[in-house]
């Protein structure tokens, strides 16, 4: 699968943006063969066989208060967060736009003996009724698009959560990496927040959009939520904010 097909598959951006990608990024080779087990083992991604402790803790709280409460893992990837919620006792649905990821996630969940409903889906158009879920997770997805699409995804999260429900996830903050791209590769930007990030030994995927936002912009994405910072972590020049949002009404 070449770079164009991978971007199309993930439905990250309209086709018109492809022509604006700098030539040096278009020709950037993929550093490793794309397989989920290889990515998990060699590239430092979340190990799907290891439950996420923070997700499990939040889910366990909901499971105690509301046994069997419905939870959604947005862009599940290999299913680490979905498995964590299922292990905690929630009724879990998980989706990803990549069918390869869904196949792998299903195999991982089966190896745990966990029941998770895996589906192919898009965070920009979630096929669920209003207020259907109590709890949701969104990791390694909200920032892999442009600002307009991030707003659409946030609006969908608001729609599918019930009042009082919670979303936990992460975003990429404006940081040293953002400033470097502004200075060294201004032609890589497709809007004021979003640059195309080339693949590297740290990033196993082909060139991808990276939307950088401030903490104030995060709050503006979720106006109907109380947003709290859980932690920040730095990876190379990138800074990611781990947050929890509680829907107010």
C-alpha atoms as a PDB file:
ATOM      1  CA  UNK A   1       0.000   0.000   0.000  1.00  0.00           C
ATOM      2  CA  UNK A   2       1.568   3.315  -1.062  1.00  0.00           C
ATOM      3  CA  UNK A   3       1.382   6.657   0.724  1.00  0.00           C
ATOM      4  CA  UNK A   4      -1.550   7.959  -1.344  1.00  0.00           C
ATOM      5  CA  UNK A   5      -3.607   4.837  -0.606  1.00  0.00           C
ATOM      6  CA  UNK A   6      -2.817   4.980   3.117  1.00  0.00           C
ATOM      7  CA  UNK A   7      -3.933   8.601   3.405  1.00  0.00           C
ATOM      8  CA  UNK A   8      -7.059   7.889   1.355  1.00  0.00           C
ATOM      9  CA  UNK A   9      -7.867   4.868   3.519  1.00  0.00           C
ATOM     10  CA  UNK A  10      -7.647   6.892   6.696  1.00  0.00           C
ATOM     11  CA  UNK A  11      -9.775   9.649   5.138  1.00  0.00           C
ATOM     12  CA  UNK A  12      -7.691  12.261   6.870  1.00  0.00           C
ATOM     13  CA  UNK A  13      -8.079  15.130   4.418  1.00  0.00           C
ATOM     14  CA  UNK A  14      -9.840  15.999   1.155  1.00  0.00           C
ATOM     15  CA  UNK A  15      -7.995  15.098  -2.032  1.00  0.00           C
ATOM     16  CA  UNK A  16      -7.340  18.766  -2.832  1.00  0.00           C
ATOM     17  CA  UNK A  17      -4.795  18.893  -0.008  1.00  0.00           C
ATOM     18  CA  UNK A  18      -2.720  16.100  -1.476  1.00  0.00           C
ATOM     19  CA  UNK A  19      -1.455  18.370  -4.263  1.00  0.00           C
ATOM     20  CA  UNK A  20      -0.208  20.866  -1.658  1.00  0.00           C
ATOM     21  CA  UNK A  21       2.087  18.379   0.101  1.00  0.00           C
ATOM     22  CA  UNK A  22       5.739  19.315  -0.475  1.00  0.00           C
ATOM     23  CA  UNK A  23       7.531  17.003  -2.906  1.00  0.00           C
ATOM     24  CA  UNK A  24      10.125  15.954  -0.322  1.00  0.00           C
ATOM     25  CA  UNK A  25       7.338  14.612   1.913  1.00  0.00           C
ATOM     26  CA  UNK A  26       5.567  12.827  -0.939  1.00  0.00           C
ATOM     27  CA  UNK A  27       8.761  10.900  -1.668  1.00  0.00           C
ATOM     28  CA  UNK A  28       9.515  10.081   1.975  1.00  0.00           C
ATOM     29  CA  UNK A  29       9.778   6.275   2.201  1.00  0.00           C
ATOM     30  CA  UNK A  30       7.925   4.315   4.853  1.00  0.00           C
ATOM     31  CA  UNK A  31      10.690   3.200   7.267  1.00  0.00           C
ATOM     32  CA  UNK A  32       9.100  -0.121   8.228  1.00  0.00           C
ATOM     33  CA  UNK A  33       6.667  -2.491   6.616  1.00  0.00           C
ATOM     34  CA  UNK A  34       3.193  -1.599   7.896  1.00  0.00           C
ATOM     35  CA  UNK A  35       1.980  -4.392  10.132  1.00  0.00           C
ATOM     36  CA  UNK A  36       0.344  -3.856  13.491  1.00  0.00           C
ATOM     37  CA  UNK A  37       2.531  -6.354  15.402  1.00  0.00           C
ATOM     38  CA  UNK A  38       5.705  -4.805  13.938  1.00  0.00           C
ATOM     39  CA  UNK A  39       4.580  -1.277  14.794  1.00  0.00           C
ATOM     40  CA  UNK A  40       3.741  -2.268  18.352  1.00  0.00           C
ATOM     41  CA  UNK A  41       7.044  -4.084  18.861  1.00  0.00           C
ATOM     42  CA  UNK A  42       9.506  -1.790  17.108  1.00  0.00           C
ATOM     43  CA  UNK A  43       8.054   1.708  17.082  1.00  0.00           C
ATOM     44  CA  UNK A  44       7.099   2.345  20.690  1.00  0.00           C
ATOM     45  CA  UNK A  45       3.337   2.447  20.167  1.00  0.00           C
ATOM     46  CA  UNK A  46       0.901   1.327  22.868  1.00  0.00           C
ATOM     47  CA  UNK A  47       1.213  -2.396  23.384  1.00  0.00           C
ATOM     48  CA  UNK A  48      -2.298  -3.804  22.819  1.00  0.00           C
ATOM     49  CA  UNK A  49      -1.526  -6.687  25.140  1.00  0.00           C
ATOM     50  CA  UNK A  50      -1.001  -4.234  28.004  1.00  0.00           C
ATOM     51  CA  UNK A  51      -4.117  -2.636  29.464  1.00  0.00           C
ATOM     52  CA  UNK A  52      -4.013   1.136  29.818  1.00  0.00           C
ATOM     53  CA  UNK A  53      -4.072   1.775  33.572  1.00  0.00           C
ATOM     54  CA  UNK A  54      -5.641   5.222  33.480  1.00  0.00           C
ATOM     55  CA  UNK A  55      -8.365   4.200  31.063  1.00  0.00           C
ATOM     56  CA  UNK A  56      -9.045   1.133  33.198  1.00  0.00           C
ATOM     57  CA  UNK A  57      -9.293   3.280  36.364  1.00  0.00           C
ATOM     58  CA  UNK A  58     -11.796   5.697  34.816  1.00  0.00           C
ATOM     59  CA  UNK A  59     -13.794   2.855  33.297  1.00  0.00           C
ATOM     60  CA  UNK A  60     -13.844   0.961  36.586  1.00  0.00           C
ATOM     61  CA  UNK A  61     -15.360   3.999  38.314  1.00  0.00           C
ATOM     62  CA  UNK A  62     -18.147   4.090  35.745  1.00  0.00           C
ATOM     63  CA  UNK A  63     -18.622   0.323  35.958  1.00  0.00           C
ATOM     64  CA  UNK A  64     -19.166   0.586  39.721  1.00  0.00           C
ATOM     65  CA  UNK A  65     -21.610   3.483  39.388  1.00  0.00           C
ATOM     66  CA  UNK A  66     -23.325   2.180  36.254  1.00  0.00           C
ATOM     67  CA  UNK A  67     -22.724  -1.553  35.715  1.00  0.00           C
ATOM     68  CA  UNK A  68     -22.737  -2.346  32.009  1.00  0.00           C
ATOM     69  CA  UNK A  69     -22.608   1.324  30.977  1.00  0.00           C
ATOM     70  CA  UNK A  70     -21.920   1.815  27.274  1.00  0.00           C
ATOM     71  CA  UNK A  71     -18.425   2.959  26.274  1.00  0.00           C
ATOM     72  CA  UNK A  72     -16.885   3.866  22.913  1.00  0.00           C
ATOM     73  CA  UNK A  73     -13.236   3.682  21.847  1.00  0.00           C
ATOM     74  CA  UNK A  74     -12.787   6.124  18.968  1.00  0.00           C
ATOM     75  CA  UNK A  75     -10.138   5.124  16.400  1.00  0.00           C
ATOM     76  CA  UNK A  76      -9.294   2.031  18.426  1.00  0.00           C
ATOM     77  CA  UNK A  77      -6.177   0.991  16.516  1.00  0.00           C
ATOM     78  CA  UNK A  78      -4.982  -2.246  18.108  1.00  0.00           C
ATOM     79  CA  UNK A  79      -7.634  -2.018  20.833  1.00  0.00           C
ATOM     80  CA  UNK A  80      -5.641  -1.286  24.014  1.00  0.00           C
ATOM     81  CA  UNK A  81      -8.191   1.193  25.386  1.00  0.00           C
ATOM     82  CA  UNK A  82     -11.185  -0.853  24.267  1.00  0.00           C
ATOM     83  CA  UNK A  83      -9.787  -3.886  26.051  1.00  0.00           C
ATOM     84  CA  UNK A  84      -9.129  -1.816  29.178  1.00  0.00           C
ATOM     85  CA  UNK A  85     -12.761  -0.675  29.322  1.00  0.00           C
ATOM     86  CA  UNK A  86     -14.090  -4.163  28.674  1.00  0.00           C
ATOM     87  CA  UNK A  87     -11.847  -5.561  31.409  1.00  0.00           C
ATOM     88  CA  UNK A  88     -13.274  -2.934  33.787  1.00  0.00           C
ATOM     89  CA  UNK A  89     -16.805  -4.187  33.135  1.00  0.00           C
ATOM     90  CA  UNK A  90     -18.226  -1.733  30.593  1.00  0.00           C
ATOM     91  CA  UNK A  91     -20.171  -2.623  27.451  1.00  0.00           C
ATOM     92  CA  UNK A  92     -17.669  -1.563  24.799  1.00  0.00           C
ATOM     93  CA  UNK A  93     -17.954  -0.601  21.149  1.00  0.00           C
ATOM     94  CA  UNK A  94     -14.789   0.323  19.260  1.00  0.00           C
ATOM     95  CA  UNK A  95     -14.231   1.531  15.722  1.00  0.00           C
ATOM     96  CA  UNK A  96     -11.403   2.425  13.369  1.00  0.00           C
ATOM     97  CA  UNK A  97     -11.342   3.498   9.733  1.00  0.00           C
ATOM     98  CA  UNK A  98      -8.550   0.996   9.019  1.00  0.00           C
ATOM     99  CA  UNK A  99      -9.854  -2.562   8.498  1.00  0.00           C
ATOM    100  CA  UNK A 100      -6.374  -3.967   9.126  1.00  0.00           C
ATOM    101  CA  UNK A 101      -6.422  -2.425  12.599  1.00  0.00           C
ATOM    102  CA  UNK A 102      -9.889  -3.838  13.302  1.00  0.00           C
ATOM    103  CA  UNK A 103      -8.803  -7.358  12.349  1.00  0.00           C
ATOM    104  CA  UNK A 104      -5.798  -7.138  14.645  1.00  0.00           C
ATOM    105  CA  UNK A 105      -7.815  -5.609  17.508  1.00  0.00           C
ATOM    106  CA  UNK A 106     -10.380  -8.406  17.283  1.00  0.00           C
ATOM    107  CA  UNK A 107      -7.620 -11.006  17.572  1.00  0.00           C
ATOM    108  CA  UNK A 108      -6.105  -9.270  20.601  1.00  0.00           C
ATOM    109  CA  UNK A 109      -9.474  -9.013  22.388  1.00  0.00           C
ATOM    110  CA  UNK A 110     -10.166 -12.680  21.677  1.00  0.00           C
ATOM    111  CA  UNK A 111      -6.812 -13.631  23.194  1.00  0.00           C
ATOM    112  CA  UNK A 112      -7.882 -11.821  26.385  1.00  0.00           C
ATOM    113  CA  UNK A 113     -11.301 -13.492  26.340  1.00  0.00           C
ATOM    114  CA  UNK A 114     -12.926 -10.034  26.256  1.00  0.00           C
ATOM    115  CA  UNK A 115     -16.152  -9.058  24.509  1.00  0.00           C
ATOM    116  CA  UNK A 116     -15.796  -5.898  22.423  1.00  0.00           C
ATOM    117  CA  UNK A 117     -17.949  -4.903  19.451  1.00  0.00           C
ATOM    118  CA  UNK A 118     -15.424  -3.839  16.789  1.00  0.00           C
ATOM    119  CA  UNK A 119     -16.604  -1.904  13.743  1.00  0.00           C
ATOM    120  CA  UNK A 120     -15.210   0.018  10.787  1.00  0.00           C
ATOM    121  CA  UNK A 121     -16.134   3.667  11.188  1.00  0.00           C
ATOM    122  CA  UNK A 122     -15.115   7.312  10.885  1.00  0.00           C
ATOM    123  CA  UNK A 123     -14.763   9.773  13.770  1.00  0.00           C
ATOM    124  CA  UNK A 124     -16.238  12.482  11.541  1.00  0.00           C
ATOM    125  CA  UNK A 125     -19.504  10.614  11.061  1.00  0.00           C
ATOM    126  CA  UNK A 126     -20.260   8.278  13.946  1.00  0.00           C
ATOM    127  CA  UNK A 127     -23.186   5.951  13.323  1.00  0.00           C
ATOM    128  CA  UNK A 128     -24.678   6.162  16.804  1.00  0.00           C
ATOM    129  CA  UNK A 129     -27.739   7.872  18.229  1.00  0.00           C
ATOM    130  CA  UNK A 130     -27.547  11.014  20.348  1.00  0.00           C
ATOM    131  CA  UNK A 131     -26.460  10.421  23.948  1.00  0.00           C
ATOM    132  CA  UNK A 132     -25.951   6.688  23.400  1.00  0.00           C
ATOM    133  CA  UNK A 133     -22.642   6.380  25.302  1.00  0.00           C
ATOM    134  CA  UNK A 134     -21.645   7.197  28.871  1.00  0.00           C
ATOM    135  CA  UNK A 135     -17.892   7.063  28.385  1.00  0.00           C
ATOM    136  CA  UNK A 136     -15.527   7.437  25.422  1.00  0.00           C
ATOM    137  CA  UNK A 137     -11.810   7.411  24.680  1.00  0.00           C
ATOM    138  CA  UNK A 138      -9.970   9.135  21.809  1.00  0.00           C
ATOM    139  CA  UNK A 139      -6.229   8.488  21.537  1.00  0.00           C
ATOM    140  CA  UNK A 140      -3.871   8.939  18.578  1.00  0.00           C
ATOM    141  CA  UNK A 141      -6.625  10.295  16.382  1.00  0.00           C
ATOM    142  CA  UNK A 142      -7.995  13.770  17.155  1.00  0.00           C
ATOM    143  CA  UNK A 143      -4.768  15.496  16.148  1.00  0.00           C
ATOM    144  CA  UNK A 144      -4.180  13.421  12.982  1.00  0.00           C
ATOM    145  CA  UNK A 145      -6.329  15.674  10.819  1.00  0.00           C
ATOM    146  CA  UNK A 146      -6.821  19.393  10.195  1.00  0.00           C
ATOM    147  CA  UNK A 147      -8.501  21.959  12.455  1.00  0.00           C
ATOM    148  CA  UNK A 148     -11.861  21.880  10.706  1.00  0.00           C
ATOM    149  CA  UNK A 149     -12.086  18.112  10.939  1.00  0.00           C
ATOM    150  CA  UNK A 150     -10.982  18.126  14.559  1.00  0.00           C
ATOM    151  CA  UNK A 151     -13.922  20.435  15.289  1.00  0.00           C
ATOM    152  CA  UNK A 152     -16.245  18.023  13.505  1.00  0.00           C
ATOM    153  CA  UNK A 153     -14.921  15.087  15.507  1.00  0.00           C
ATOM    154  CA  UNK A 154     -15.345  17.022  18.770  1.00  0.00           C
ATOM    155  CA  UNK A 155     -18.926  17.862  17.782  1.00  0.00           C
ATOM    156  CA  UNK A 156     -19.626  14.187  17.147  1.00  0.00           C
ATOM    157  CA  UNK A 157     -18.215  13.285  20.559  1.00  0.00           C
ATOM    158  CA  UNK A 158     -20.521  15.842  22.160  1.00  0.00           C
ATOM    159  CA  UNK A 159     -23.480  14.390  20.276  1.00  0.00           C
ATOM    160  CA  UNK A 160     -22.970  10.713  21.135  1.00  0.00           C
ATOM    161  CA  UNK A 161     -22.259  11.222  24.857  1.00  0.00           C
ATOM    162  CA  UNK A 162     -25.045  11.511  27.419  1.00  0.00           C
ATOM    163  CA  UNK A 163     -25.136  14.517  29.800  1.00  0.00           C
ATOM    164  CA  UNK A 164     -22.606  13.852  32.563  1.00  0.00           C
ATOM    165  CA  UNK A 165     -20.694  11.448  30.321  1.00  0.00           C
ATOM    166  CA  UNK A 166     -16.932  11.653  29.951  1.00  0.00           C
ATOM    167  CA  UNK A 167     -14.345  11.681  27.187  1.00  0.00           C
ATOM    168  CA  UNK A 168     -10.666  11.026  27.862  1.00  0.00           C
ATOM    169  CA  UNK A 169      -8.133  11.525  25.125  1.00  0.00           C
ATOM    170  CA  UNK A 170      -5.042  13.350  23.969  1.00  0.00           C
ATOM    171  CA  UNK A 171      -4.168  16.241  21.666  1.00  0.00           C
ATOM    172  CA  UNK A 172      -0.903  17.575  20.278  1.00  0.00           C
ATOM    173  CA  UNK A 173      -0.027  20.939  21.814  1.00  0.00           C
ATOM    174  CA  UNK A 174       1.665  23.815  20.063  1.00  0.00           C
ATOM    175  CA  UNK A 175       5.262  23.259  21.082  1.00  0.00           C
ATOM    176  CA  UNK A 176       8.859  23.244  19.887  1.00  0.00           C
ATOM    177  CA  UNK A 177       7.954  20.898  17.038  1.00  0.00           C
ATOM    178  CA  UNK A 178       5.211  23.261  15.854  1.00  0.00           C
ATOM    179  CA  UNK A 179       7.647  26.198  15.909  1.00  0.00           C
ATOM    180  CA  UNK A 180      10.290  24.221  14.027  1.00  0.00           C
ATOM    181  CA  UNK A 181       7.824  23.363  11.265  1.00  0.00           C
ATOM    182  CA  UNK A 182       6.699  26.995  11.052  1.00  0.00           C
ATOM    183  CA  UNK A 183      10.296  28.153  10.620  1.00  0.00           C
ATOM    184  CA  UNK A 184      11.810  25.350   8.554  1.00  0.00           C
ATOM    185  CA  UNK A 185       8.887  24.049   6.488  1.00  0.00           C
ATOM    186  CA  UNK A 186       6.195  26.727   6.133  1.00  0.00           C
ATOM    187  CA  UNK A 187       5.061  25.122   2.881  1.00  0.00           C
ATOM    188  CA  UNK A 188       4.097  22.008   4.868  1.00  0.00           C
ATOM    189  CA  UNK A 189       1.189  23.858   6.520  1.00  0.00           C
ATOM    190  CA  UNK A 190      -2.322  23.405   5.165  1.00  0.00           C
ATOM    191  CA  UNK A 191      -3.936  25.667   7.768  1.00  0.00           C
ATOM    192  CA  UNK A 192      -2.580  27.763  10.648  1.00  0.00           C
ATOM    193  CA  UNK A 193      -2.661  24.750  13.006  1.00  0.00           C
ATOM    194  CA  UNK A 194      -1.869  21.825  10.722  1.00  0.00           C
ATOM    195  CA  UNK A 195       1.358  20.667   9.085  1.00  0.00           C
ATOM    196  CA  UNK A 196       2.252  17.539   7.167  1.00  0.00           C
ATOM    197  CA  UNK A 197       4.700  15.561   9.297  1.00  0.00           C
ATOM    198  CA  UNK A 198       7.148  13.331   7.430  1.00  0.00           C
ATOM    199  CA  UNK A 199       7.719   9.751   8.468  1.00  0.00           C
ATOM    200  CA  UNK A 200      10.783   8.903  10.533  1.00  0.00           C
ATOM    201  CA  UNK A 201      12.133   6.170  12.777  1.00  0.00           C
ATOM    202  CA  UNK A 202       9.774   7.509  15.463  1.00  0.00           C
ATOM    203  CA  UNK A 203       6.747   7.729  13.189  1.00  0.00           C
ATOM    204  CA  UNK A 204       6.127   4.469  11.305  1.00  0.00           C
ATOM    205  CA  UNK A 205       3.292   5.819   9.150  1.00  0.00           C
ATOM    206  CA  UNK A 206       3.770   7.731   5.893  1.00  0.00           C
ATOM    207  CA  UNK A 207       3.461  11.511   5.897  1.00  0.00           C
ATOM    208  CA  UNK A 208       0.433  12.497   7.954  1.00  0.00           C
ATOM    209  CA  UNK A 209      -1.333  15.683   9.041  1.00  0.00           C
ATOM    210  CA  UNK A 210      -0.582  16.858  12.592  1.00  0.00           C
ATOM    211  CA  UNK A 211      -2.913  19.466  14.084  1.00  0.00           C
ATOM    212  CA  UNK A 212      -1.303  21.464  16.891  1.00  0.00           C
ATOM    213  CA  UNK A 213      -3.573  23.337  19.299  1.00  0.00           C
ATOM    214  CA  UNK A 214      -3.299  25.396  22.455  1.00  0.00           C
ATOM    215  CA  UNK A 215      -5.030  24.560  25.725  1.00  0.00           C
ATOM    216  CA  UNK A 216      -7.481  27.398  25.070  1.00  0.00           C
ATOM    217  CA  UNK A 217      -8.265  25.929  21.651  1.00  0.00           C
ATOM    218  CA  UNK A 218      -8.904  22.554  23.273  1.00  0.00           C
ATOM    219  CA  UNK A 219     -11.545  24.142  25.498  1.00  0.00           C
ATOM    220  CA  UNK A 220     -13.101  25.856  22.475  1.00  0.00           C
ATOM    221  CA  UNK A 221     -13.416  22.482  20.754  1.00  0.00           C
ATOM    222  CA  UNK A 222     -15.568  21.217  23.635  1.00  0.00           C
ATOM    223  CA  UNK A 223     -17.670  24.214  24.774  1.00  0.00           C
ATOM    224  CA  UNK A 224     -20.236  21.934  26.389  1.00  0.00           C
ATOM    225  CA  UNK A 225     -17.605  20.170  28.550  1.00  0.00           C
ATOM    226  CA  UNK A 226     -15.622  20.850  31.671  1.00  0.00           C
ATOM    227  CA  UNK A 227     -12.051  20.101  30.568  1.00  0.00           C
ATOM    228  CA  UNK A 228      -9.342  19.068  33.009  1.00  0.00           C
ATOM    229  CA  UNK A 229      -5.690  18.356  32.303  1.00  0.00           C
ATOM    230  CA  UNK A 230      -4.528  14.968  33.487  1.00  0.00           C
ATOM    231  CA  UNK A 231      -0.925  15.119  32.333  1.00  0.00           C
ATOM    232  CA  UNK A 232       1.496  16.256  29.661  1.00  0.00           C
ATOM    233  CA  UNK A 233       4.174  14.137  28.085  1.00  0.00           C
ATOM    234  CA  UNK A 234       6.933  14.995  25.636  1.00  0.00           C
ATOM    235  CA  UNK A 235       8.050  12.749  22.815  1.00  0.00           C
ATOM    236  CA  UNK A 236      11.012  14.156  20.862  1.00  0.00           C
ATOM    237  CA  UNK A 237       9.881  17.757  20.161  1.00  0.00           C
ATOM    238  CA  UNK A 238       6.175  16.918  20.456  1.00  0.00           C
ATOM    239  CA  UNK A 239       4.103  17.659  23.558  1.00  0.00           C
ATOM    240  CA  UNK A 240       0.857  15.764  24.088  1.00  0.00           C
ATOM    241  CA  UNK A 241      -1.883  16.734  26.535  1.00  0.00           C
ATOM    242  CA  UNK A 242      -3.861  13.932  28.182  1.00  0.00           C
ATOM    243  CA  UNK A 243      -7.264  15.330  29.199  1.00  0.00           C
ATOM    244  CA  UNK A 244     -10.666  14.402  30.563  1.00  0.00           C
ATOM    245  CA  UNK A 245     -13.862  16.200  29.606  1.00  0.00           C
ATOM    246  CA  UNK A 246     -17.191  15.910  31.425  1.00  0.00           C
ATOM    247  CA  UNK A 247     -20.290  16.821  29.428  1.00  0.00           C
ATOM    248  CA  UNK A 248     -22.265  19.487  31.260  1.00  0.00           C
ATOM    249  CA  UNK A 249     -25.692  19.078  29.659  1.00  0.00           C
END
